PDB file of N, CA and C in Angstrom:
ATOM      1  N   MET A   1     -37.762 -17.785  38.455  1.00  0.00           N
ATOM      2  CA  MET A   1     -37.834 -16.716  39.435  1.00  0.00           C
ATOM      3  C   MET A   1     -36.790 -15.663  39.101  1.00  0.00           C
ATOM      4  N   SER A   2     -37.159 -14.430  39.131  1.00  0.00           N
ATOM      5  CA  SER A   2     -36.213 -13.354  38.863  1.00  0.00           C
ATOM      6  C   SER A   2     -35.875 -12.667  40.162  1.00  0.00           C
ATOM      7  N   GLU A   3     -35.639 -11.379  40.098  1.00  0.00           N
ATOM      8  CA  GLU A   3     -35.366 -10.604  41.306  1.00  0.00           C
ATOM      9  C   GLU A   3     -36.626 -10.385  42.127  1.00  0.00           C
ATOM     10  N   THR A   4     -37.737 -10.927  41.671  1.00  0.00           N
ATOM     11  CA  THR A   4     -38.975 -10.814  42.421  1.00  0.00           C
ATOM     12  C   THR A   4     -39.385 -12.189  42.904  1.00  0.00           C
ATOM     13  N   GLY A   5     -40.020 -12.230  44.052  1.00  0.00           N
ATOM     14  CA  GLY A   5     -40.460 -13.496  44.634  1.00  0.00           C
ATOM     15  C   GLY A   5     -41.833 -13.872  44.134  1.00  0.00           C
ATOM     16  N   GLN A   6     -42.418 -14.869  44.775  1.00  0.00           N
ATOM     17  CA  GLN A   6     -43.729 -15.345  44.363  1.00  0.00           C
ATOM     18  C   GLN A   6     -44.773 -14.245  44.458  1.00  0.00           C
ATOM     19  N   ALA A   7     -44.621 -13.345  45.424  1.00  0.00           N
ATOM     20  CA  ALA A   7     -45.585 -12.260  45.578  1.00  0.00           C
ATOM     21  C   ALA A   7     -45.228 -11.078  44.682  1.00  0.00           C
ATOM     22  N   GLY A   8     -44.152 -11.191  43.883  1.00  0.00           N
ATOM     23  CA  GLY A   8     -43.761 -10.120  42.988  1.00  0.00           C
ATOM     24  C   GLY A   8     -43.003  -8.999  43.678  1.00  0.00           C
ATOM     25  N   THR A   9     -42.459  -9.271  44.842  1.00  0.00           N
ATOM     26  CA  THR A   9     -41.752  -8.245  45.597  1.00  0.00           C
ATOM     27  C   THR A   9     -40.304  -8.139  45.136  1.00  0.00           C
ATOM     28  N   GLU A  10     -39.890  -6.943  44.761  1.00  0.00           N
ATOM     29  CA  GLU A  10     -38.495  -6.696  44.420  1.00  0.00           C
ATOM     30  C   GLU A  10     -37.642  -6.888  45.669  1.00  0.00           C
ATOM     31  N   ILE A  11     -36.504  -7.512  45.523  1.00  0.00           N
ATOM     32  CA  ILE A  11     -35.624  -7.752  46.665  1.00  0.00           C
ATOM     33  C   ILE A  11     -35.223  -6.441  47.320  1.00  0.00           C
ATOM     34  N   SER A  12     -34.934  -5.425  46.515  1.00  0.00           N
ATOM     35  CA  SER A  12     -34.485  -4.148  47.072  1.00  0.00           C
ATOM     36  C   SER A  12     -35.545  -3.496  47.951  1.00  0.00           C
ATOM     37  N   ALA A  13     -36.805  -3.881  47.786  1.00  0.00           N
ATOM     38  CA  ALA A  13     -37.883  -3.298  48.589  1.00  0.00           C
ATOM     39  C   ALA A  13     -38.113  -4.048  49.900  1.00  0.00           C
ATOM     40  N   LEU A  14     -37.463  -5.196  50.067  1.00  0.00           N
ATOM     41  CA  LEU A  14     -37.679  -6.010  51.266  1.00  0.00           C
ATOM     42  C   LEU A  14     -36.909  -5.480  52.465  1.00  0.00           C
ATOM     43  N   SER A  15     -37.528  -5.579  53.613  1.00  0.00           N
ATOM     44  CA  SER A  15     -36.809  -5.276  54.855  1.00  0.00           C
ATOM     45  C   SER A  15     -35.811  -6.402  55.106  1.00  0.00           C
ATOM     46  N   PHE A  16     -34.869  -6.167  55.978  1.00  0.00           N
ATOM     47  CA  PHE A  16     -33.900  -7.196  56.333  1.00  0.00           C
ATOM     48  C   PHE A  16     -34.617  -8.440  56.842  1.00  0.00           C
ATOM     49  N   GLU A  17     -35.576  -8.227  57.736  1.00  0.00           N
ATOM     50  CA  GLU A  17     -36.269  -9.357  58.358  1.00  0.00           C
ATOM     51  C   GLU A  17     -37.047 -10.190  57.332  1.00  0.00           C
ATOM     52  N   ARG A  18     -37.720  -9.508  56.420  1.00  0.00           N
ATOM     53  CA  ARG A  18     -38.500 -10.212  55.393  1.00  0.00           C
ATOM     54  C   ARG A  18     -37.584 -10.966  54.435  1.00  0.00           C
ATOM     55  N   ALA A  19     -36.480 -10.344  54.047  1.00  0.00           N
ATOM     56  CA  ALA A  19     -35.527 -10.999  53.148  1.00  0.00           C
ATOM     57  C   ALA A  19     -34.907 -12.219  53.815  1.00  0.00           C
ATOM     58  N   LEU A  20     -34.567 -12.090  55.088  1.00  0.00           N
ATOM     59  CA  LEU A  20     -33.976 -13.211  55.813  1.00  0.00           C
ATOM     60  C   LEU A  20     -34.982 -14.351  55.948  1.00  0.00           C
ATOM     61  N   GLN A  21     -36.228 -14.007  56.212  1.00  0.00           N
ATOM     62  CA  GLN A  21     -37.277 -15.022  56.328  1.00  0.00           C
ATOM     63  C   GLN A  21     -37.431 -15.787  55.004  1.00  0.00           C
ATOM     64  N   GLU A  22     -37.444 -15.066  53.896  1.00  0.00           N
ATOM     65  CA  GLU A  22     -37.564 -15.717  52.596  1.00  0.00           C
ATOM     66  C   GLU A  22     -36.336 -16.577  52.300  1.00  0.00           C
ATOM     67  N   LEU A  23     -35.165 -16.071  52.655  1.00  0.00           N
ATOM     68  CA  LEU A  23     -33.932 -16.826  52.453  1.00  0.00           C
ATOM     69  C   LEU A  23     -33.955 -18.131  53.251  1.00  0.00           C
ATOM     70  N   GLU A  24     -34.427 -18.073  54.483  1.00  0.00           N
ATOM     71  CA  GLU A  24     -34.521 -19.282  55.311  1.00  0.00           C
ATOM     72  C   GLU A  24     -35.466 -20.307  54.686  1.00  0.00           C
ATOM     73  N   LYS A  25     -36.575 -19.844  54.107  1.00  0.00           N
ATOM     74  CA  LYS A  25     -37.514 -20.753  53.442  1.00  0.00           C
ATOM     75  C   LYS A  25     -36.854 -21.431  52.239  1.00  0.00           C
ATOM     76  N   ILE A  26     -36.097 -20.656  51.477  1.00  0.00           N
ATOM     77  CA  ILE A  26     -35.408 -21.208  50.314  1.00  0.00           C
ATOM     78  C   ILE A  26     -34.390 -22.256  50.747  1.00  0.00           C
ATOM     79  N   VAL A  27     -33.634 -21.971  51.781  1.00  0.00           N
ATOM     80  CA  VAL A  27     -32.642 -22.930  52.278  1.00  0.00           C
ATOM     81  C   VAL A  27     -33.329 -24.224  52.698  1.00  0.00           C
ATOM     82  N   THR A  28     -34.450 -24.102  53.396  1.00  0.00           N
ATOM     83  CA  THR A  28     -35.197 -25.286  53.829  1.00  0.00           C
ATOM     84  C   THR A  28     -35.656 -26.104  52.627  1.00  0.00           C
ATOM     85  N   LEU A  29     -36.192 -25.432  51.606  1.00  0.00           N
ATOM     86  CA  LEU A  29     -36.626 -26.130  50.397  1.00  0.00           C
ATOM     87  C   LEU A  29     -35.474 -26.871  49.724  1.00  0.00           C
ATOM     88  N   LEU A  30     -34.355 -26.184  49.589  1.00  0.00           N
ATOM     89  CA  LEU A  30     -33.211 -26.791  48.912  1.00  0.00           C
ATOM     90  C   LEU A  30     -32.607 -27.932  49.727  1.00  0.00           C
ATOM     91  N   GLU A  31     -32.607 -27.807  51.052  1.00  0.00           N
ATOM     92  CA  GLU A  31     -32.062 -28.866  51.895  1.00  0.00           C
ATOM     93  C   GLU A  31     -32.902 -30.136  51.841  1.00  0.00           C
ATOM     94  N   ARG A  32     -34.202 -29.986  51.612  1.00  0.00           N
ATOM     95  CA  ARG A  32     -35.071 -31.161  51.511  1.00  0.00           C
ATOM     96  C   ARG A  32     -34.690 -32.023  50.313  1.00  0.00           C
ATOM     97  N   GLY A  33     -34.236 -31.374  49.256  1.00  0.00           N
ATOM     98  CA  GLY A  33     -33.755 -32.109  48.095  1.00  0.00           C
ATOM     99  C   GLY A  33     -34.832 -32.650  47.179  1.00  0.00           C
ATOM    100  N   ASP A  34     -36.057 -32.236  47.341  1.00  0.00           N
ATOM    101  CA  ASP A  34     -37.123 -32.759  46.486  1.00  0.00           C
ATOM    102  C   ASP A  34     -37.644 -31.726  45.493  1.00  0.00           C
ATOM    103  N   VAL A  35     -36.820 -30.742  45.189  1.00  0.00           N
ATOM    104  CA  VAL A  35     -37.190 -29.688  44.241  1.00  0.00           C
ATOM    105  C   VAL A  35     -36.549 -30.030  42.898  1.00  0.00           C
ATOM    106  N   ALA A  36     -37.295 -29.836  41.818  1.00  0.00           N
ATOM    107  CA  ALA A  36     -36.774 -30.099  40.479  1.00  0.00           C
ATOM    108  C   ALA A  36     -35.525 -29.252  40.216  1.00  0.00           C
ATOM    109  N   LEU A  37     -34.654 -29.754  39.368  1.00  0.00           N
ATOM    110  CA  LEU A  37     -33.376 -29.092  39.095  1.00  0.00           C
ATOM    111  C   LEU A  37     -33.546 -27.641  38.655  1.00  0.00           C
ATOM    112  N   GLU A  38     -34.417 -27.387  37.692  1.00  0.00           N
ATOM    113  CA  GLU A  38     -34.614 -26.012  37.207  1.00  0.00           C
ATOM    114  C   GLU A  38     -35.131 -25.102  38.317  1.00  0.00           C
ATOM    115  N   ASP A  39     -36.033 -25.607  39.132  1.00  0.00           N
ATOM    116  CA  ASP A  39     -36.541 -24.826  40.264  1.00  0.00           C
ATOM    117  C   ASP A  39     -35.437 -24.583  41.284  1.00  0.00           C
ATOM    118  N   SER A  40     -34.609 -25.600  41.504  1.00  0.00           N
ATOM    119  CA  SER A  40     -33.496 -25.452  42.442  1.00  0.00           C
ATOM    120  C   SER A  40     -32.550 -24.341  42.015  1.00  0.00           C
ATOM    121  N   ILE A  41     -32.293 -24.287  40.730  1.00  0.00           N
ATOM    122  CA  ILE A  41     -31.398 -23.239  40.209  1.00  0.00           C
ATOM    123  C   ILE A  41     -32.017 -21.864  40.432  1.00  0.00           C
ATOM    124  N   ARG A  42     -33.313 -21.731  40.143  1.00  0.00           N
ATOM    125  CA  ARG A  42     -33.980 -20.438  40.352  1.00  0.00           C
ATOM    126  C   ARG A  42     -34.008 -20.060  41.832  1.00  0.00           C
ATOM    127  N   TYR A  43     -34.296 -21.033  42.693  1.00  0.00           N
ATOM    128  CA  TYR A  43     -34.285 -20.767  44.133  1.00  0.00           C
ATOM    129  C   TYR A  43     -32.894 -20.357  44.597  1.00  0.00           C
ATOM    130  N   TYR A  44     -31.865 -21.046  44.086  1.00  0.00           N
ATOM    131  CA  TYR A  44     -30.503 -20.723  44.468  1.00  0.00           C
ATOM    132  C   TYR A  44     -30.139 -19.296  44.057  1.00  0.00           C
ATOM    133  N   GLU A  45     -30.516 -18.924  42.837  1.00  0.00           N
ATOM    134  CA  GLU A  45     -30.231 -17.564  42.363  1.00  0.00           C
ATOM    135  C   GLU A  45     -30.939 -16.527  43.231  1.00  0.00           C
ATOM    136  N   ARG A  46     -32.194 -16.771  43.542  1.00  0.00           N
ATOM    137  CA  ARG A  46     -32.949 -15.846  44.405  1.00  0.00           C
ATOM    138  C   ARG A  46     -32.305 -15.789  45.786  1.00  0.00           C
ATOM    139  N   GLY A  47     -31.915 -16.951  46.297  1.00  0.00           N
ATOM    140  CA  GLY A  47     -31.275 -17.001  47.608  1.00  0.00           C
ATOM    141  C   GLY A  47     -29.978 -16.211  47.643  1.00  0.00           C
ATOM    142  N   ALA A  48     -29.192 -16.311  46.585  1.00  0.00           N
ATOM    143  CA  ALA A  48     -27.936 -15.562  46.516  1.00  0.00           C
ATOM    144  C   ALA A  48     -28.211 -14.063  46.507  1.00  0.00           C
ATOM    145  N   ALA A  49     -29.239 -13.648  45.784  1.00  0.00           N
ATOM    146  CA  ALA A  49     -29.600 -12.224  45.741  1.00  0.00           C
ATOM    147  C   ALA A  49     -30.120 -11.763  47.106  1.00  0.00           C
ATOM    148  N   LEU A  50     -30.900 -12.599  47.773  1.00  0.00           N
ATOM    149  CA  LEU A  50     -31.401 -12.262  49.113  1.00  0.00           C
ATOM    150  C   LEU A  50     -30.257 -12.144  50.105  1.00  0.00           C
ATOM    151  N   LYS A  51     -29.291 -13.059  50.019  1.00  0.00           N
ATOM    152  CA  LYS A  51     -28.125 -13.019  50.904  1.00  0.00           C
ATOM    153  C   LYS A  51     -27.358 -11.716  50.719  1.00  0.00           C
ATOM    154  N   ALA A  52     -27.132 -11.335  49.471  1.00  0.00           N
ATOM    155  CA  ALA A  52     -26.420 -10.085  49.186  1.00  0.00           C
ATOM    156  C   ALA A  52     -27.200  -8.889  49.728  1.00  0.00           C
ATOM    157  N   HIS A  53     -28.518  -8.920  49.582  1.00  0.00           N
ATOM    158  CA  HIS A  53     -29.364  -7.836  50.093  1.00  0.00           C
ATOM    159  C   HIS A  53     -29.254  -7.738  51.614  1.00  0.00           C
ATOM    160  N   CYS A  54     -29.311  -8.877  52.285  1.00  0.00           N
ATOM    161  CA  CYS A  54     -29.198  -8.884  53.749  1.00  0.00           C
ATOM    162  C   CYS A  54     -27.838  -8.348  54.196  1.00  0.00           C
ATOM    163  N   GLU A  55     -26.791  -8.766  53.516  1.00  0.00           N
ATOM    164  CA  GLU A  55     -25.454  -8.275  53.859  1.00  0.00           C
ATOM    165  C   GLU A  55     -25.365  -6.766  53.682  1.00  0.00           C
ATOM    166  N   LYS A  56     -25.958  -6.250  52.607  1.00  0.00           N
ATOM    167  CA  LYS A  56     -25.931  -4.805  52.381  1.00  0.00           C
ATOM    168  C   LYS A  56     -26.709  -4.074  53.468  1.00  0.00           C
ATOM    169  N   ARG A  57     -27.878  -4.601  53.826  1.00  0.00           N
ATOM    170  CA  ARG A  57     -28.679  -3.978  54.888  1.00  0.00           C
ATOM    171  C   ARG A  57     -27.912  -3.952  56.205  1.00  0.00           C
ATOM    172  N   LEU A  58     -27.216  -5.037  56.522  1.00  0.00           N
ATOM    173  CA  LEU A  58     -26.431  -5.080  57.758  1.00  0.00           C
ATOM    174  C   LEU A  58     -25.293  -4.072  57.721  1.00  0.00           C
ATOM    175  N   LYS A  59     -24.618  -3.981  56.585  1.00  0.00           N
ATOM    176  CA  LYS A  59     -23.516  -3.020  56.465  1.00  0.00           C
ATOM    177  C   LYS A  59     -24.023  -1.592  56.594  1.00  0.00           C
ATOM    178  N   ASP A  60     -25.160  -1.296  55.960  1.00  0.00           N
ATOM    179  CA  ASP A  60     -25.750   0.042  56.068  1.00  0.00           C
ATOM    180  C   ASP A  60     -26.100   0.367  57.520  1.00  0.00           C
ATOM    181  N   ALA A  61     -26.656  -0.610  58.224  1.00  0.00           N
ATOM    182  CA  ALA A  61     -27.014  -0.406  59.630  1.00  0.00           C
ATOM    183  C   ALA A  61     -25.758  -0.200  60.472  1.00  0.00           C
ATOM    184  N   GLN A  62     -24.729  -0.951  60.177  1.00  0.00           N
ATOM    185  CA  GLN A  62     -23.470  -0.836  60.911  1.00  0.00           C
ATOM    186  C   GLN A  62     -22.897   0.573  60.780  1.00  0.00           C
ATOM    187  N   LEU A  63     -23.000   1.155  59.603  1.00  0.00           N
ATOM    188  CA  LEU A  63     -22.474   2.495  59.373  1.00  0.00           C
ATOM    189  C   LEU A  63     -23.258   3.556  60.135  1.00  0.00           C
ATOM    190  N   LYS A  64     -24.508   3.267  60.461  1.00  0.00           N
ATOM    191  CA  LYS A  64     -25.342   4.228  61.170  1.00  0.00           C
ATOM    192  C   LYS A  64     -25.173   4.160  62.682  1.00  0.00           C
ATOM    193  N   VAL A  65     -24.621   3.070  63.140  1.00  0.00           N
ATOM    194  CA  VAL A  65     -24.457   2.911  64.585  1.00  0.00           C
ATOM    195  C   VAL A  65     -23.458   3.950  65.090  1.00  0.00           C
ATOM    196  N   GLU A  66     -23.806   4.547  66.176  1.00  0.00           N
ATOM    197  CA  GLU A  66     -22.887   5.508  66.780  1.00  0.00           C
ATOM    198  C   GLU A  66     -22.437   4.982  68.136  1.00  0.00           C
ATOM    199  N   GLN A  67     -21.241   5.345  68.501  1.00  0.00           N
ATOM    200  CA  GLN A  67     -20.756   4.966  69.810  1.00  0.00           C
ATOM    201  C   GLN A  67     -20.577   6.222  70.651  1.00  0.00           C
ATOM    202  N   ILE A  68     -20.812   6.068  71.911  1.00  0.00           N
ATOM    203  CA  ILE A  68     -20.657   7.191  72.834  1.00  0.00           C
ATOM    204  C   ILE A  68     -19.189   7.278  73.236  1.00  0.00           C
ATOM    205  N   VAL A  69     -18.662   8.494  73.185  1.00  0.00           N
ATOM    206  CA  VAL A  69     -17.258   8.724  73.495  1.00  0.00           C
ATOM    207  C   VAL A  69     -17.166   9.679  74.673  1.00  0.00           C
ATOM    208  N   LEU A  70     -16.355   9.325  75.644  1.00  0.00           N
ATOM    209  CA  LEU A  70     -16.089  10.203  76.774  1.00  0.00           C
ATOM    210  C   LEU A  70     -14.749  10.876  76.506  1.00  0.00           C
ATOM    211  N   ARG A  71     -14.790  12.164  76.261  1.00  0.00           N
ATOM    212  CA  ARG A  71     -13.587  12.925  75.934  1.00  0.00           C
ATOM    213  C   ARG A  71     -12.784  13.222  77.206  1.00  0.00           C
ATOM    214  N   ALA A  72     -11.562  13.689  77.041  1.00  0.00           N
ATOM    215  CA  ALA A  72     -10.650  13.935  78.152  1.00  0.00           C
ATOM    216  C   ALA A  72     -11.225  14.886  79.197  1.00  0.00           C
ATOM    217  N   GLY A  73     -11.953  15.907  78.787  1.00  0.00           N
ATOM    218  CA  GLY A  73     -12.515  16.874  79.717  1.00  0.00           C
ATOM    219  C   GLY A  73     -13.820  16.414  80.354  1.00  0.00           C
ATOM    220  N   GLY A  74     -14.213  15.184  80.120  1.00  0.00           N
ATOM    221  CA  GLY A  74     -15.452  14.669  80.674  1.00  0.00           C
ATOM    222  C   GLY A  74     -16.654  14.896  79.775  1.00  0.00           C
ATOM    223  N   GLU A  75     -16.427  15.522  78.627  1.00  0.00           N
ATOM    224  CA  GLU A  75     -17.508  15.800  77.689  1.00  0.00           C
ATOM    225  C   GLU A  75     -17.921  14.507  76.979  1.00  0.00           C
ATOM    226  N   VAL A  76     -19.218  14.287  76.904  1.00  0.00           N
ATOM    227  CA  VAL A  76     -19.746  13.114  76.230  1.00  0.00           C
ATOM    228  C   VAL A  76     -20.220  13.536  74.840  1.00  0.00           C
ATOM    229  N   SER A  77     -19.826  12.774  73.834  1.00  0.00           N
ATOM    230  CA  SER A  77     -20.266  13.047  72.463  1.00  0.00           C
ATOM    231  C   SER A  77     -20.454  11.724  71.747  1.00  0.00           C
ATOM    232  N   THR A  78     -20.895  11.822  70.520  1.00  0.00           N
ATOM    233  CA  THR A  78     -21.046  10.618  69.700  1.00  0.00           C
ATOM    234  C   THR A  78     -20.231  10.775  68.442  1.00  0.00           C
ATOM    235  N   GLU A  79     -19.849   9.652  67.887  1.00  0.00           N
ATOM    236  CA  GLU A  79     -19.141   9.649  66.608  1.00  0.00           C
ATOM    237  C   GLU A  79     -19.464   8.324  65.927  1.00  0.00           C
ATOM    238  N   ALA A  80     -19.260   8.295  64.637  1.00  0.00           N
ATOM    239  CA  ALA A  80     -19.527   7.069  63.899  1.00  0.00           C
ATOM    240  C   ALA A  80     -18.690   5.930  64.462  1.00  0.00           C
ATOM    241  N   ALA A  81     -19.308   4.774  64.609  1.00  0.00           N
ATOM    242  CA  ALA A  81     -18.612   3.623  65.163  1.00  0.00           C
ATOM    243  C   ALA A  81     -17.622   3.065  64.168  1.00  0.00           C
ATOM    244  N   SER A  82     -16.514   2.590  64.646  1.00  0.00           N
ATOM    245  CA  SER A  82     -15.521   1.909  63.832  1.00  0.00           C
ATOM    246  C   SER A  82     -15.429   0.478  64.330  1.00  0.00           C
ATOM    247  N   PHE A  83     -15.680  -0.478  63.434  1.00  0.00           N
ATOM    248  CA  PHE A  83     -15.699  -1.879  63.818  1.00  0.00           C
ATOM    249  C   PHE A  83     -14.475  -2.614  63.328  1.00  0.00           C
ATOM    250  N   GLU A  84     -13.460  -1.903  62.990  1.00  0.00           N
ATOM    251  CA  GLU A  84     -12.250  -2.537  62.471  1.00  0.00           C
ATOM    252  C   GLU A  84     -11.158  -2.524  63.498  1.00  0.00           C
TER     253      GLU A  84
END
């Protein structure tokens, strides 16, 4: 297995939800322990790439979130959220 899954989908083209769903399936397969060693390695590599993709999607979404700010004069505005 490369950066594409069984359906030939590039990881970068997957939505967060689809990537997470595929990652959960891989984890389930690996936890069962009945997958051949070579297949396990390929699944693990794909899973690691899916995990990284999901983390990137979450970080990108986090950067887009805006928080509402009430300024001193009562003016309401928005600004990029800071989560630190």
